[in-house]
């Protein structure tokens, strides 16, 4: 059995209980060495074999999985954040299907939710936005034209932009075009939950200069939207004048 495990955004304690248990029981751990905190490996058994996938190809990863599975080993494929978001797990699972190897996926805390927590905010505020767009700027991996930043920004939803801090000027230009204004709040969170986490706050008008001033080019989330700094409506969930399935309105 192969267990794809979300390691969380950085802080080793932000893994699920199930994910930690699987690491402790694993005979083989294949981990994303350039992104996953190596602190997770402290929970491996002494005899556990560890492979850093940052220097491996897909074929090499699958070879390790197949050999281990043939030998009845318990295998963890440790991905950063939540493996379902920019995790490149589909291509691995398809190969495992072809080989009739069983696998499971254990979700994790994504860096985009960890970044929102870091700035002590909420993506979905009543009267402001009830939609979160998770996306990235086109780079080595292309983005469909219909999903361009300017097109997505035109919805004025809360946004979380992965893998794009290295071209902050390009991000800002496209967001300004989509939003049609430059005073939109922006937060850039570098290495959310890591010990060297940094938070840069600003707007589309000044965030580019602020980010370049501190030299952030990677490992950063770009959060965009009025949810960061705005007036909002009170939630009806806890409003005394609103009845729910568990509570009658009191006034």
C-alpha atoms as a PDB file:
ATOM      1  CA  UNK A   1       0.000   0.000   0.000  1.00  0.00           C
ATOM      2  CA  UNK A   2       1.220   3.459  -0.920  1.00  0.00           C
ATOM      3  CA  UNK A   3       0.053   6.328   1.298  1.00  0.00           C
ATOM      4  CA  UNK A   4       0.201   9.793  -0.260  1.00  0.00           C
ATOM      5  CA  UNK A   5       0.416  12.051   2.786  1.00  0.00           C
ATOM      6  CA  UNK A   6       0.036  15.809   3.000  1.00  0.00           C
ATOM      7  CA  UNK A   7       2.822  17.049   5.263  1.00  0.00           C
ATOM      8  CA  UNK A   8       1.268  20.476   5.799  1.00  0.00           C
ATOM      9  CA  UNK A   9       2.825  23.859   4.996  1.00  0.00           C
ATOM     10  CA  UNK A  10       5.969  23.753   7.098  1.00  0.00           C
ATOM     11  CA  UNK A  11       5.438  23.414  10.837  1.00  0.00           C
ATOM     12  CA  UNK A  12       5.852  19.675  11.436  1.00  0.00           C
ATOM     13  CA  UNK A  13       3.004  19.714  13.962  1.00  0.00           C
ATOM     14  CA  UNK A  14       0.544  20.733  11.238  1.00  0.00           C
ATOM     15  CA  UNK A  15       0.288  17.213   9.850  1.00  0.00           C
ATOM     16  CA  UNK A  16      -2.759  15.075  10.552  1.00  0.00           C
ATOM     17  CA  UNK A  17      -2.618  12.479  13.312  1.00  0.00           C
ATOM     18  CA  UNK A  18      -3.093   9.800  10.653  1.00  0.00           C
ATOM     19  CA  UNK A  19      -0.287  11.232   8.532  1.00  0.00           C
ATOM     20  CA  UNK A  20       2.131  11.227  11.478  1.00  0.00           C
ATOM     21  CA  UNK A  21       1.202   7.652  12.371  1.00  0.00           C
ATOM     22  CA  UNK A  22       1.826   6.492   8.818  1.00  0.00           C
ATOM     23  CA  UNK A  23       5.285   8.105   8.850  1.00  0.00           C
ATOM     24  CA  UNK A  24       6.094   6.362  12.126  1.00  0.00           C
ATOM     25  CA  UNK A  25       5.052   2.993  10.680  1.00  0.00           C
ATOM     26  CA  UNK A  26       6.627   3.409   7.239  1.00  0.00           C
ATOM     27  CA  UNK A  27       9.389   1.193   5.902  1.00  0.00           C
ATOM     28  CA  UNK A  28       9.991   3.609   3.021  1.00  0.00           C
ATOM     29  CA  UNK A  29       9.399   7.371   2.890  1.00  0.00           C
ATOM     30  CA  UNK A  30       9.693   9.279  -0.382  1.00  0.00           C
ATOM     31  CA  UNK A  31       9.592  12.966   0.480  1.00  0.00           C
ATOM     32  CA  UNK A  32       9.657  16.232  -1.452  1.00  0.00           C
ATOM     33  CA  UNK A  33      13.029  17.344  -0.102  1.00  0.00           C
ATOM     34  CA  UNK A  34      12.981  20.873  -1.467  1.00  0.00           C
ATOM     35  CA  UNK A  35       9.646  21.686   0.182  1.00  0.00           C
ATOM     36  CA  UNK A  36       8.855  19.379   3.085  1.00  0.00           C
ATOM     37  CA  UNK A  37      10.282  20.115   6.530  1.00  0.00           C
ATOM     38  CA  UNK A  38      12.928  17.518   7.307  1.00  0.00           C
ATOM     39  CA  UNK A  39      11.606  17.477  10.883  1.00  0.00           C
ATOM     40  CA  UNK A  40       9.000  14.973   9.693  1.00  0.00           C
ATOM     41  CA  UNK A  41      11.791  12.464   9.119  1.00  0.00           C
ATOM     42  CA  UNK A  42      12.618  12.509  12.845  1.00  0.00           C
ATOM     43  CA  UNK A  43       9.502  10.363  13.326  1.00  0.00           C
ATOM     44  CA  UNK A  44      10.675   7.615  10.974  1.00  0.00           C
ATOM     45  CA  UNK A  45      11.870   4.272  12.292  1.00  0.00           C
ATOM     46  CA  UNK A  46      15.653   3.864  12.423  1.00  0.00           C
ATOM     47  CA  UNK A  47      15.533   1.250   9.675  1.00  0.00           C
ATOM     48  CA  UNK A  48      13.244   3.304   7.423  1.00  0.00           C
ATOM     49  CA  UNK A  49      14.644   3.968   3.930  1.00  0.00           C
ATOM     50  CA  UNK A  50      14.290   7.609   2.899  1.00  0.00           C
ATOM     51  CA  UNK A  51      14.327   8.988  -0.648  1.00  0.00           C
ATOM     52  CA  UNK A  52      14.432  12.667  -1.597  1.00  0.00           C
ATOM     53  CA  UNK A  53      12.167  13.036  -4.641  1.00  0.00           C
ATOM     54  CA  UNK A  54      13.627  16.445  -5.546  1.00  0.00           C
ATOM     55  CA  UNK A  55      16.465  14.626  -7.331  1.00  0.00           C
ATOM     56  CA  UNK A  56      14.293  11.831  -8.780  1.00  0.00           C
ATOM     57  CA  UNK A  57      12.212  11.443 -11.926  1.00  0.00           C
ATOM     58  CA  UNK A  58       8.663  10.083 -11.966  1.00  0.00           C
ATOM     59  CA  UNK A  59       9.980   6.788 -13.305  1.00  0.00           C
ATOM     60  CA  UNK A  60      12.517   6.484 -10.470  1.00  0.00           C
ATOM     61  CA  UNK A  61       9.850   7.243  -7.873  1.00  0.00           C
ATOM     62  CA  UNK A  62       7.531   4.591  -9.292  1.00  0.00           C
ATOM     63  CA  UNK A  63      10.386   2.052  -9.410  1.00  0.00           C
ATOM     64  CA  UNK A  64      11.005   2.564  -5.676  1.00  0.00           C
ATOM     65  CA  UNK A  65       7.276   2.227  -4.961  1.00  0.00           C
ATOM     66  CA  UNK A  66       6.919  -0.949  -7.032  1.00  0.00           C
ATOM     67  CA  UNK A  67       9.958  -2.642  -5.535  1.00  0.00           C
ATOM     68  CA  UNK A  68       8.829  -1.752  -2.023  1.00  0.00           C
ATOM     69  CA  UNK A  69       5.275  -2.891  -2.661  1.00  0.00           C
ATOM     70  CA  UNK A  70       6.507  -6.199  -4.126  1.00  0.00           C
ATOM     71  CA  UNK A  71       8.411  -6.718  -0.869  1.00  0.00           C
ATOM     72  CA  UNK A  72       5.356  -5.941   1.266  1.00  0.00           C
ATOM     73  CA  UNK A  73       6.786  -2.661   2.568  1.00  0.00           C
ATOM     74  CA  UNK A  74       4.690   0.177   4.006  1.00  0.00           C
ATOM     75  CA  UNK A  75       5.391   3.206   1.850  1.00  0.00           C
ATOM     76  CA  UNK A  76       4.669   6.900   2.451  1.00  0.00           C
ATOM     77  CA  UNK A  77       4.877   9.423  -0.362  1.00  0.00           C
ATOM     78  CA  UNK A  78       5.203  12.674   1.589  1.00  0.00           C
ATOM     79  CA  UNK A  79       4.043  15.809  -0.211  1.00  0.00           C
ATOM     80  CA  UNK A  80       4.098  19.406   0.986  1.00  0.00           C
ATOM     81  CA  UNK A  81       0.837  21.066   2.016  1.00  0.00           C
ATOM     82  CA  UNK A  82      -2.154  19.178   0.679  1.00  0.00           C
ATOM     83  CA  UNK A  83      -1.219  16.749  -2.104  1.00  0.00           C
ATOM     84  CA  UNK A  84      -4.324  17.590  -4.145  1.00  0.00           C
ATOM     85  CA  UNK A  85      -3.103  21.146  -4.896  1.00  0.00           C
ATOM     86  CA  UNK A  86      -0.102  21.425  -7.262  1.00  0.00           C
ATOM     87  CA  UNK A  87       1.043  18.067  -5.912  1.00  0.00           C
ATOM     88  CA  UNK A  88       1.669  16.216  -9.219  1.00  0.00           C
ATOM     89  CA  UNK A  89       0.078  13.121  -7.668  1.00  0.00           C
ATOM     90  CA  UNK A  90      -2.308  12.238 -10.511  1.00  0.00           C
ATOM     91  CA  UNK A  91       0.519  11.057 -12.758  1.00  0.00           C
ATOM     92  CA  UNK A  92       1.851   8.908  -9.916  1.00  0.00           C
ATOM     93  CA  UNK A  93      -1.557   7.397  -9.156  1.00  0.00           C
ATOM     94  CA  UNK A  94      -2.152   6.616 -12.836  1.00  0.00           C
ATOM     95  CA  UNK A  95       1.120   4.656 -12.970  1.00  0.00           C
ATOM     96  CA  UNK A  96       0.167   2.789  -9.802  1.00  0.00           C
ATOM     97  CA  UNK A  97      -3.218   1.938 -11.330  1.00  0.00           C
ATOM     98  CA  UNK A  98      -1.432   0.487 -14.359  1.00  0.00           C
ATOM     99  CA  UNK A  99       0.651  -1.661 -11.991  1.00  0.00           C
ATOM    100  CA  UNK A 100      -2.389  -2.681  -9.891  1.00  0.00           C
ATOM    101  CA  UNK A 101      -0.764  -1.238  -6.761  1.00  0.00           C
ATOM    102  CA  UNK A 102      -3.147  -0.034  -4.086  1.00  0.00           C
ATOM    103  CA  UNK A 103      -2.806   3.474  -2.669  1.00  0.00           C
ATOM    104  CA  UNK A 104      -4.600   6.046  -0.531  1.00  0.00           C
ATOM    105  CA  UNK A 105      -4.452   9.824  -0.193  1.00  0.00           C
ATOM    106  CA  UNK A 106      -4.281  11.514   3.224  1.00  0.00           C
ATOM    107  CA  UNK A 107      -5.124  15.230   3.015  1.00  0.00           C
ATOM    108  CA  UNK A 108      -3.026  17.932   4.631  1.00  0.00           C
ATOM    109  CA  UNK A 109      -3.094  21.608   5.560  1.00  0.00           C
ATOM    110  CA  UNK A 110      -2.443  23.680   2.447  1.00  0.00           C
ATOM    111  CA  UNK A 111      -0.103  26.660   2.448  1.00  0.00           C
ATOM    112  CA  UNK A 112      -2.938  28.860   1.186  1.00  0.00           C
ATOM    113  CA  UNK A 113      -5.069  28.226   4.277  1.00  0.00           C
ATOM    114  CA  UNK A 114      -1.972  28.415   6.500  1.00  0.00           C
ATOM    115  CA  UNK A 115      -1.163  31.811   4.969  1.00  0.00           C
ATOM    116  CA  UNK A 116      -4.658  33.091   5.633  1.00  0.00           C
ATOM    117  CA  UNK A 117      -4.288  31.923   9.230  1.00  0.00           C
ATOM    118  CA  UNK A 118      -0.917  33.675   9.447  1.00  0.00           C
ATOM    119  CA  UNK A 119      -2.511  37.043   8.654  1.00  0.00           C
ATOM    120  CA  UNK A 120      -5.421  36.201  10.993  1.00  0.00           C
ATOM    121  CA  UNK A 121      -8.047  36.609   8.320  1.00  0.00           C
ATOM    122  CA  UNK A 122     -10.955  34.757   6.694  1.00  0.00           C
ATOM    123  CA  UNK A 123     -11.358  34.252   2.949  1.00  0.00           C
ATOM    124  CA  UNK A 124     -15.162  34.104   3.002  1.00  0.00           C
ATOM    125  CA  UNK A 125     -16.683  37.164   4.645  1.00  0.00           C
ATOM    126  CA  UNK A 126     -20.436  37.876   4.326  1.00  0.00           C
ATOM    127  CA  UNK A 127     -21.063  40.790   1.996  1.00  0.00           C
ATOM    128  CA  UNK A 128     -17.476  40.711   0.707  1.00  0.00           C
ATOM    129  CA  UNK A 129     -16.686  37.349  -0.900  1.00  0.00           C
ATOM    130  CA  UNK A 130     -18.033  33.831  -0.687  1.00  0.00           C
ATOM    131  CA  UNK A 131     -15.578  32.443  -3.228  1.00  0.00           C
ATOM    132  CA  UNK A 132     -11.874  31.583  -3.035  1.00  0.00           C
ATOM    133  CA  UNK A 133      -9.865  31.298  -6.247  1.00  0.00           C
ATOM    134  CA  UNK A 134      -6.684  29.221  -5.989  1.00  0.00           C
ATOM    135  CA  UNK A 135      -4.443  29.746  -8.980  1.00  0.00           C
ATOM    136  CA  UNK A 136      -0.959  30.555 -10.258  1.00  0.00           C
ATOM    137  CA  UNK A 137       0.777  32.696 -12.847  1.00  0.00           C
ATOM    138  CA  UNK A 138       1.840  30.900 -16.009  1.00  0.00           C
ATOM    139  CA  UNK A 139       5.469  29.813 -15.881  1.00  0.00           C
ATOM    140  CA  UNK A 140       7.169  26.542 -16.777  1.00  0.00           C
ATOM    141  CA  UNK A 141       3.712  25.053 -16.405  1.00  0.00           C
ATOM    142  CA  UNK A 142       1.293  26.882 -18.710  1.00  0.00           C
ATOM    143  CA  UNK A 143      -2.104  28.147 -17.564  1.00  0.00           C
ATOM    144  CA  UNK A 144      -5.191  27.934 -19.820  1.00  0.00           C
ATOM    145  CA  UNK A 145      -6.006  31.340 -21.327  1.00  0.00           C
ATOM    146  CA  UNK A 146      -9.474  31.267 -19.764  1.00  0.00           C
ATOM    147  CA  UNK A 147      -7.751  31.090 -16.348  1.00  0.00           C
ATOM    148  CA  UNK A 148      -5.518  34.126 -16.786  1.00  0.00           C
ATOM    149  CA  UNK A 149      -5.021  36.198 -13.640  1.00  0.00           C
ATOM    150  CA  UNK A 150      -6.785  39.214 -15.112  1.00  0.00           C
ATOM    151  CA  UNK A 151      -9.819  37.084 -16.029  1.00  0.00           C
ATOM    152  CA  UNK A 152     -10.010  35.513 -12.580  1.00  0.00           C
ATOM    153  CA  UNK A 153      -9.447  38.836 -10.812  1.00  0.00           C
ATOM    154  CA  UNK A 154     -12.416  40.323 -12.643  1.00  0.00           C
ATOM    155  CA  UNK A 155     -14.669  38.268 -10.339  1.00  0.00           C
ATOM    156  CA  UNK A 156     -13.372  40.279  -7.349  1.00  0.00           C
ATOM    157  CA  UNK A 157     -13.301  37.070  -5.292  1.00  0.00           C
ATOM    158  CA  UNK A 158     -10.742  36.262  -2.618  1.00  0.00           C
ATOM    159  CA  UNK A 159      -7.612  34.929  -4.302  1.00  0.00           C
ATOM    160  CA  UNK A 160      -4.643  32.805  -3.334  1.00  0.00           C
ATOM    161  CA  UNK A 161      -1.823  32.751  -5.867  1.00  0.00           C
ATOM    162  CA  UNK A 162       0.794  30.001  -5.726  1.00  0.00           C
ATOM    163  CA  UNK A 163       4.241  29.819  -7.313  1.00  0.00           C
ATOM    164  CA  UNK A 164       4.272  33.378  -8.623  1.00  0.00           C
ATOM    165  CA  UNK A 165       6.225  35.645  -6.244  1.00  0.00           C
ATOM    166  CA  UNK A 166       9.249  35.518  -8.547  1.00  0.00           C
ATOM    167  CA  UNK A 167       7.297  37.625 -11.048  1.00  0.00           C
ATOM    168  CA  UNK A 168       5.489  39.935  -8.656  1.00  0.00           C
ATOM    169  CA  UNK A 169       5.412  42.751 -11.225  1.00  0.00           C
ATOM    170  CA  UNK A 170       3.611  40.523 -13.711  1.00  0.00           C
ATOM    171  CA  UNK A 171       1.149  39.405 -11.039  1.00  0.00           C
ATOM    172  CA  UNK A 172       0.372  42.975 -10.017  1.00  0.00           C
ATOM    173  CA  UNK A 173      -0.102  44.176 -13.588  1.00  0.00           C
ATOM    174  CA  UNK A 174      -2.601  41.428 -14.342  1.00  0.00           C
ATOM    175  CA  UNK A 175      -4.460  41.889 -11.068  1.00  0.00           C
ATOM    176  CA  UNK A 176      -4.781  45.630 -11.600  1.00  0.00           C
ATOM    177  CA  UNK A 177      -6.261  44.955 -15.021  1.00  0.00           C
ATOM    178  CA  UNK A 178      -8.729  42.450 -13.609  1.00  0.00           C
ATOM    179  CA  UNK A 179      -9.774  44.366 -10.508  1.00  0.00           C
ATOM    180  CA  UNK A 180      -9.794  47.726 -12.262  1.00  0.00           C
ATOM    181  CA  UNK A 181      -8.282  49.447  -9.223  1.00  0.00           C
ATOM    182  CA  UNK A 182      -4.967  49.626  -7.401  1.00  0.00           C
ATOM    183  CA  UNK A 183      -6.110  49.867  -3.767  1.00  0.00           C
ATOM    184  CA  UNK A 184      -6.934  46.137  -3.475  1.00  0.00           C
ATOM    185  CA  UNK A 185      -5.332  44.717  -0.292  1.00  0.00           C
ATOM    186  CA  UNK A 186      -2.539  42.164  -0.758  1.00  0.00           C
ATOM    187  CA  UNK A 187      -0.627  39.969   1.675  1.00  0.00           C
ATOM    188  CA  UNK A 188       2.495  38.061   0.649  1.00  0.00           C
ATOM    189  CA  UNK A 189       3.323  35.287   3.103  1.00  0.00           C
ATOM    190  CA  UNK A 190       6.779  33.764   2.785  1.00  0.00           C
ATOM    191  CA  UNK A 191       7.160  30.202   4.158  1.00  0.00           C
ATOM    192  CA  UNK A 192       3.920  30.165   6.127  1.00  0.00           C
ATOM    193  CA  UNK A 193       4.299  28.448   9.544  1.00  0.00           C
ATOM    194  CA  UNK A 194       8.085  27.980   9.178  1.00  0.00           C
ATOM    195  CA  UNK A 195      10.371  29.581  11.753  1.00  0.00           C
ATOM    196  CA  UNK A 196      11.518  32.160   9.191  1.00  0.00           C
ATOM    197  CA  UNK A 197       8.001  33.087   8.090  1.00  0.00           C
ATOM    198  CA  UNK A 198       7.619  36.650   6.781  1.00  0.00           C
ATOM    199  CA  UNK A 199       4.428  38.612   6.110  1.00  0.00           C
ATOM    200  CA  UNK A 200       4.389  41.591   3.771  1.00  0.00           C
ATOM    201  CA  UNK A 201       1.180  43.646   3.740  1.00  0.00           C
ATOM    202  CA  UNK A 202       0.215  46.234   1.154  1.00  0.00           C
ATOM    203  CA  UNK A 203      -1.987  46.919  -1.836  1.00  0.00           C
ATOM    204  CA  UNK A 204      -1.619  46.402  -5.559  1.00  0.00           C
ATOM    205  CA  UNK A 205      -0.127  49.900  -5.602  1.00  0.00           C
ATOM    206  CA  UNK A 206       2.893  49.162  -3.427  1.00  0.00           C
ATOM    207  CA  UNK A 207       3.220  45.418  -2.791  1.00  0.00           C
ATOM    208  CA  UNK A 208       5.661  44.819  -5.652  1.00  0.00           C
ATOM    209  CA  UNK A 209       8.238  47.259  -4.274  1.00  0.00           C
ATOM    210  CA  UNK A 210       7.802  45.891  -0.744  1.00  0.00           C
ATOM    211  CA  UNK A 211       8.309  42.281  -1.849  1.00  0.00           C
ATOM    212  CA  UNK A 212      11.391  43.093  -3.937  1.00  0.00           C
ATOM    213  CA  UNK A 213      12.841  45.140  -1.064  1.00  0.00           C
ATOM    214  CA  UNK A 214      12.983  42.040   1.180  1.00  0.00           C
ATOM    215  CA  UNK A 215      14.056  39.750  -1.666  1.00  0.00           C
ATOM    216  CA  UNK A 216      11.148  37.300  -1.695  1.00  0.00           C
ATOM    217  CA  UNK A 217      11.109  35.278  -4.925  1.00  0.00           C
ATOM    218  CA  UNK A 218       9.757  31.852  -3.978  1.00  0.00           C
ATOM    219  CA  UNK A 219       8.117  29.806  -1.201  1.00  0.00           C
ATOM    220  CA  UNK A 220       5.448  32.512  -0.919  1.00  0.00           C
ATOM    221  CA  UNK A 221       1.678  32.802  -1.134  1.00  0.00           C
ATOM    222  CA  UNK A 222       0.117  35.925  -2.601  1.00  0.00           C
ATOM    223  CA  UNK A 223      -3.266  36.569  -1.014  1.00  0.00           C
ATOM    224  CA  UNK A 224      -5.423  39.169  -2.729  1.00  0.00           C
ATOM    225  CA  UNK A 225      -8.829  40.653  -2.017  1.00  0.00           C
ATOM    226  CA  UNK A 226     -10.895  42.952   0.121  1.00  0.00           C
ATOM    227  CA  UNK A 227     -11.267  40.196   2.718  1.00  0.00           C
ATOM    228  CA  UNK A 228      -7.837  41.253   4.012  1.00  0.00           C
ATOM    229  CA  UNK A 229      -8.964  44.732   5.091  1.00  0.00           C
ATOM    230  CA  UNK A 230     -12.641  45.685   4.842  1.00  0.00           C
ATOM    231  CA  UNK A 231     -15.999  46.178   6.475  1.00  0.00           C
ATOM    232  CA  UNK A 232     -18.192  43.077   6.349  1.00  0.00           C
ATOM    233  CA  UNK A 233     -21.603  41.854   7.393  1.00  0.00           C
ATOM    234  CA  UNK A 234     -22.101  39.851  10.553  1.00  0.00           C
ATOM    235  CA  UNK A 235     -22.621  36.125  10.013  1.00  0.00           C
ATOM    236  CA  UNK A 236     -26.222  34.970  10.434  1.00  0.00           C
ATOM    237  CA  UNK A 237     -24.979  31.735  11.963  1.00  0.00           C
ATOM    238  CA  UNK A 238     -24.565  33.383  15.386  1.00  0.00           C
ATOM    239  CA  UNK A 239     -27.008  36.271  14.937  1.00  0.00           C
ATOM    240  CA  UNK A 240     -29.608  36.284  17.741  1.00  0.00           C
ATOM    241  CA  UNK A 241     -32.283  37.373  15.258  1.00  0.00           C
ATOM    242  CA  UNK A 242     -31.690  34.371  13.001  1.00  0.00           C
ATOM    243  CA  UNK A 243     -33.018  30.848  13.632  1.00  0.00           C
ATOM    244  CA  UNK A 244     -30.991  27.758  12.741  1.00  0.00           C
ATOM    245  CA  UNK A 245     -31.673  24.032  12.911  1.00  0.00           C
ATOM    246  CA  UNK A 246     -30.209  24.054  16.421  1.00  0.00           C
ATOM    247  CA  UNK A 247     -31.335  27.380  17.866  1.00  0.00           C
ATOM    248  CA  UNK A 248     -34.436  29.590  17.773  1.00  0.00           C
ATOM    249  CA  UNK A 249     -34.099  33.321  17.208  1.00  0.00           C
ATOM    250  CA  UNK A 250     -34.066  35.112  20.546  1.00  0.00           C
ATOM    251  CA  UNK A 251     -35.062  38.562  19.328  1.00  0.00           C
END
